[in-house]
Amino acid sequence: MQDMGGKFQVTILRDWCKGCDLCVSECPVKILVKGSHLNSRGLLYVEVTESSLCTGCRRCATVCPDVAIRIEMEA
């Protein structure tokens, strides 16, 4: 697991997410889960449980076919 150092904010673009869960299985720190709410397309989107635990590896964003995940370093 690559740790980029620092703190990261994980954002799921809810209306872009189709809930395929590829990111859920890819996250090494297991902070992504299948959500319990529907987006505007009527799909269960992925939710972040504890963004402060993100290591910044960006594996979730890389595997997302819909480019629905943003990882930003906090200042």
N, C-alpha and C. Protein backbone atom coordinates (compact mmCIF):
# COMPACT_ATOMS: atom_id res chain seq x y z
N MET A 1 0.85 -1.17 0.00
CA MET A 1 0.00 0.00 0.00
C MET A 1 0.90 1.23 0.00
N GLN A 2 0.70 2.07 -1.00
CA GLN A 2 1.51 3.28 -1.12
C GLN A 2 0.89 4.39 -0.29
N ASP A 3 1.69 5.01 0.56
CA ASP A 3 1.22 6.11 1.39
C ASP A 3 1.87 7.38 0.87
N MET A 4 1.06 8.31 0.38
CA MET A 4 1.56 9.54 -0.22
C MET A 4 1.90 10.59 0.83
N GLY A 5 1.61 10.32 2.11
CA GLY A 5 1.86 11.28 3.16
C GLY A 5 0.81 12.38 3.14
N GLY A 6 0.55 12.99 4.27
CA GLY A 6 -0.45 14.05 4.33
C GLY A 6 -1.85 13.52 4.52
N LYS A 7 -2.80 14.45 4.47
CA LYS A 7 -4.22 14.11 4.63
C LYS A 7 -4.94 14.30 3.30
N PHE A 8 -5.92 13.45 3.06
CA PHE A 8 -6.64 13.47 1.79
C PHE A 8 -8.14 13.54 2.01
N GLN A 9 -8.81 14.18 1.06
CA GLN A 9 -10.26 14.25 1.05
C GLN A 9 -10.74 13.41 -0.13
N VAL A 10 -11.61 12.45 0.15
CA VAL A 10 -12.18 11.60 -0.89
C VAL A 10 -13.59 12.10 -1.18
N THR A 11 -13.88 12.35 -2.44
CA THR A 11 -15.20 12.81 -2.85
C THR A 11 -15.75 11.85 -3.90
N ILE A 12 -16.97 11.37 -3.65
CA ILE A 12 -17.67 10.55 -4.63
C ILE A 12 -18.66 11.45 -5.36
N LEU A 13 -18.56 11.52 -6.66
CA LEU A 13 -19.51 12.27 -7.47
C LEU A 13 -20.74 11.38 -7.63
N ARG A 14 -21.68 11.57 -6.74
CA ARG A 14 -22.83 10.66 -6.59
C ARG A 14 -23.58 10.39 -7.88
N ASP A 15 -23.84 11.42 -8.64
CA ASP A 15 -24.63 11.22 -9.85
C ASP A 15 -23.85 10.56 -10.98
N TRP A 16 -22.55 10.49 -10.86
CA TRP A 16 -21.73 9.79 -11.85
C TRP A 16 -21.56 8.33 -11.49
N CYS A 17 -21.66 8.01 -10.20
CA CYS A 17 -21.40 6.65 -9.70
C CYS A 17 -22.55 5.72 -10.06
N LYS A 18 -22.21 4.54 -10.60
CA LYS A 18 -23.24 3.56 -10.91
C LYS A 18 -23.25 2.41 -9.91
N GLY A 19 -22.42 2.52 -8.87
CA GLY A 19 -22.42 1.51 -7.82
C GLY A 19 -21.84 0.18 -8.23
N CYS A 20 -20.87 0.19 -9.11
CA CYS A 20 -20.27 -1.08 -9.56
C CYS A 20 -19.41 -1.73 -8.48
N ASP A 21 -19.01 -0.95 -7.47
CA ASP A 21 -18.23 -1.42 -6.33
C ASP A 21 -16.79 -1.83 -6.64
N LEU A 22 -16.29 -1.53 -7.81
CA LEU A 22 -14.89 -1.84 -8.11
C LEU A 22 -13.96 -1.12 -7.13
N CYS A 23 -14.30 0.12 -6.80
CA CYS A 23 -13.48 0.90 -5.88
C CYS A 23 -13.53 0.33 -4.46
N VAL A 24 -14.68 -0.20 -4.08
CA VAL A 24 -14.84 -0.78 -2.74
C VAL A 24 -13.86 -1.92 -2.55
N SER A 25 -13.77 -2.79 -3.54
CA SER A 25 -12.86 -3.94 -3.42
C SER A 25 -11.40 -3.54 -3.60
N GLU A 26 -11.14 -2.41 -4.24
CA GLU A 26 -9.77 -1.97 -4.51
C GLU A 26 -9.14 -1.19 -3.36
N CYS A 27 -9.95 -0.55 -2.52
CA CYS A 27 -9.42 0.31 -1.45
C CYS A 27 -8.68 -0.51 -0.40
N PRO A 28 -7.38 -0.24 -0.21
CA PRO A 28 -6.59 -1.02 0.75
C PRO A 28 -6.94 -0.72 2.21
N VAL A 29 -7.53 0.43 2.50
CA VAL A 29 -7.87 0.77 3.89
C VAL A 29 -9.37 0.62 4.16
N LYS A 30 -10.12 0.15 3.15
CA LYS A 30 -11.54 -0.21 3.30
C LYS A 30 -12.41 0.94 3.83
N ILE A 31 -12.23 2.14 3.25
CA ILE A 31 -13.06 3.27 3.67
C ILE A 31 -14.23 3.54 2.72
N LEU A 32 -14.35 2.73 1.67
CA LEU A 32 -15.45 2.87 0.72
C LEU A 32 -16.43 1.73 0.91
N VAL A 33 -17.73 2.05 0.91
CA VAL A 33 -18.77 1.03 1.10
C VAL A 33 -19.93 1.30 0.13
N LYS A 34 -20.66 0.24 -0.16
CA LYS A 34 -21.88 0.40 -0.94
C LYS A 34 -22.83 1.26 -0.14
N GLY A 35 -23.34 2.31 -0.73
CA GLY A 35 -24.21 3.23 -0.03
C GLY A 35 -25.62 2.72 0.13
N SER A 36 -26.41 3.46 0.87
CA SER A 36 -27.79 3.09 1.11
C SER A 36 -28.77 4.11 0.54
N HIS A 37 -28.24 5.06 -0.25
CA HIS A 37 -29.06 6.10 -0.85
C HIS A 37 -28.94 6.04 -2.36
N LEU A 38 -30.00 6.46 -3.05
CA LEU A 38 -30.02 6.45 -4.50
C LEU A 38 -29.59 7.81 -5.05
N ASN A 39 -28.87 7.76 -6.17
CA ASN A 39 -28.51 9.01 -6.85
C ASN A 39 -29.64 9.39 -7.82
N SER A 40 -29.44 10.42 -8.62
CA SER A 40 -30.49 10.90 -9.52
C SER A 40 -30.82 9.89 -10.62
N ARG A 41 -29.94 8.91 -10.82
CA ARG A 41 -30.18 7.87 -11.83
C ARG A 41 -30.86 6.63 -11.21
N GLY A 42 -31.15 6.72 -9.91
CA GLY A 42 -31.81 5.61 -9.23
C GLY A 42 -30.87 4.47 -8.86
N LEU A 43 -29.58 4.78 -8.73
CA LEU A 43 -28.57 3.76 -8.42
C LEU A 43 -27.98 4.02 -7.03
N LEU A 44 -27.63 2.93 -6.35
CA LEU A 44 -26.95 3.06 -5.06
C LEU A 44 -25.50 3.45 -5.32
N TYR A 45 -25.11 4.60 -4.84
CA TYR A 45 -23.74 5.06 -5.06
C TYR A 45 -22.85 4.68 -3.87
N VAL A 46 -21.56 4.66 -4.10
CA VAL A 46 -20.57 4.33 -3.07
C VAL A 46 -20.43 5.52 -2.12
N GLU A 47 -20.19 5.22 -0.86
CA GLU A 47 -20.00 6.26 0.15
C GLU A 47 -18.66 6.07 0.85
N VAL A 48 -18.14 7.17 1.38
CA VAL A 48 -16.87 7.16 2.11
C VAL A 48 -17.19 7.11 3.61
N THR A 49 -16.59 6.15 4.32
CA THR A 49 -16.86 6.02 5.75
C THR A 49 -15.96 6.91 6.59
N GLU A 50 -14.69 7.01 6.23
CA GLU A 50 -13.72 7.76 7.05
C GLU A 50 -12.62 8.31 6.15
N SER A 51 -12.89 9.44 5.53
CA SER A 51 -11.96 10.04 4.58
C SER A 51 -10.59 10.30 5.19
N SER A 52 -10.53 10.58 6.48
CA SER A 52 -9.25 10.90 7.13
C SER A 52 -8.28 9.71 7.12
N LEU A 53 -8.77 8.51 6.86
CA LEU A 53 -7.91 7.33 6.81
C LEU A 53 -7.31 7.09 5.42
N CYS A 54 -7.74 7.88 4.44
CA CYS A 54 -7.25 7.72 3.07
C CYS A 54 -5.74 7.95 3.02
N THR A 55 -5.04 7.05 2.33
CA THR A 55 -3.58 7.16 2.20
C THR A 55 -3.17 7.89 0.92
N GLY A 56 -4.14 8.20 0.06
CA GLY A 56 -3.83 8.91 -1.18
C GLY A 56 -3.30 8.02 -2.28
N CYS A 57 -3.50 6.73 -2.18
CA CYS A 57 -2.96 5.81 -3.20
C CYS A 57 -3.68 5.94 -4.54
N ARG A 58 -4.90 6.43 -4.52
CA ARG A 58 -5.71 6.68 -5.72
C ARG A 58 -6.09 5.43 -6.50
N ARG A 59 -5.99 4.28 -5.87
CA ARG A 59 -6.39 3.03 -6.53
C ARG A 59 -7.87 3.05 -6.87
N CYS A 60 -8.68 3.62 -5.99
CA CYS A 60 -10.13 3.69 -6.22
C CYS A 60 -10.43 4.54 -7.46
N ALA A 61 -9.80 5.70 -7.54
CA ALA A 61 -10.03 6.61 -8.66
C ALA A 61 -9.53 6.00 -9.97
N THR A 62 -8.44 5.27 -9.91
CA THR A 62 -7.88 4.65 -11.10
C THR A 62 -8.79 3.56 -11.66
N VAL A 63 -9.41 2.78 -10.79
CA VAL A 63 -10.24 1.66 -11.23
C VAL A 63 -11.66 2.09 -11.59
N CYS A 64 -12.08 3.28 -11.21
CA CYS A 64 -13.45 3.73 -11.45
C CYS A 64 -13.71 3.98 -12.94
N PRO A 65 -14.62 3.21 -13.56
CA PRO A 65 -14.88 3.38 -14.99
C PRO A 65 -15.65 4.66 -15.31
N ASP A 66 -16.23 5.29 -14.32
CA ASP A 66 -17.05 6.49 -14.54
C ASP A 66 -16.38 7.77 -14.07
N VAL A 67 -15.13 7.69 -13.63
CA VAL A 67 -14.37 8.84 -13.15
C VAL A 67 -15.18 9.60 -12.09
N ALA A 68 -15.77 8.84 -11.17
CA ALA A 68 -16.67 9.40 -10.16
C ALA A 68 -16.00 9.63 -8.81
N ILE A 69 -14.67 9.51 -8.75
CA ILE A 69 -13.97 9.66 -7.48
C ILE A 69 -12.88 10.71 -7.60
N ARG A 70 -12.87 11.62 -6.66
CA ARG A 70 -11.83 12.66 -6.60
C ARG A 70 -11.06 12.48 -5.30
N ILE A 71 -9.74 12.52 -5.40
CA ILE A 71 -8.86 12.47 -4.24
C ILE A 71 -8.06 13.76 -4.24
N GLU A 72 -8.21 14.54 -3.19
CA GLU A 72 -7.49 15.80 -3.11
C GLU A 72 -6.73 15.88 -1.80
N MET A 73 -5.51 16.39 -1.89
CA MET A 73 -4.72 16.58 -0.68
C MET A 73 -5.21 17.81 0.06
N GLU A 74 -5.41 17.67 1.35
CA GLU A 74 -5.85 18.80 2.17
C GLU A 74 -4.67 19.70 2.49
N ALA A 75 -4.94 20.98 2.56
CA ALA A 75 -3.88 21.96 2.84
C ALA A 75 -3.50 21.95 4.30
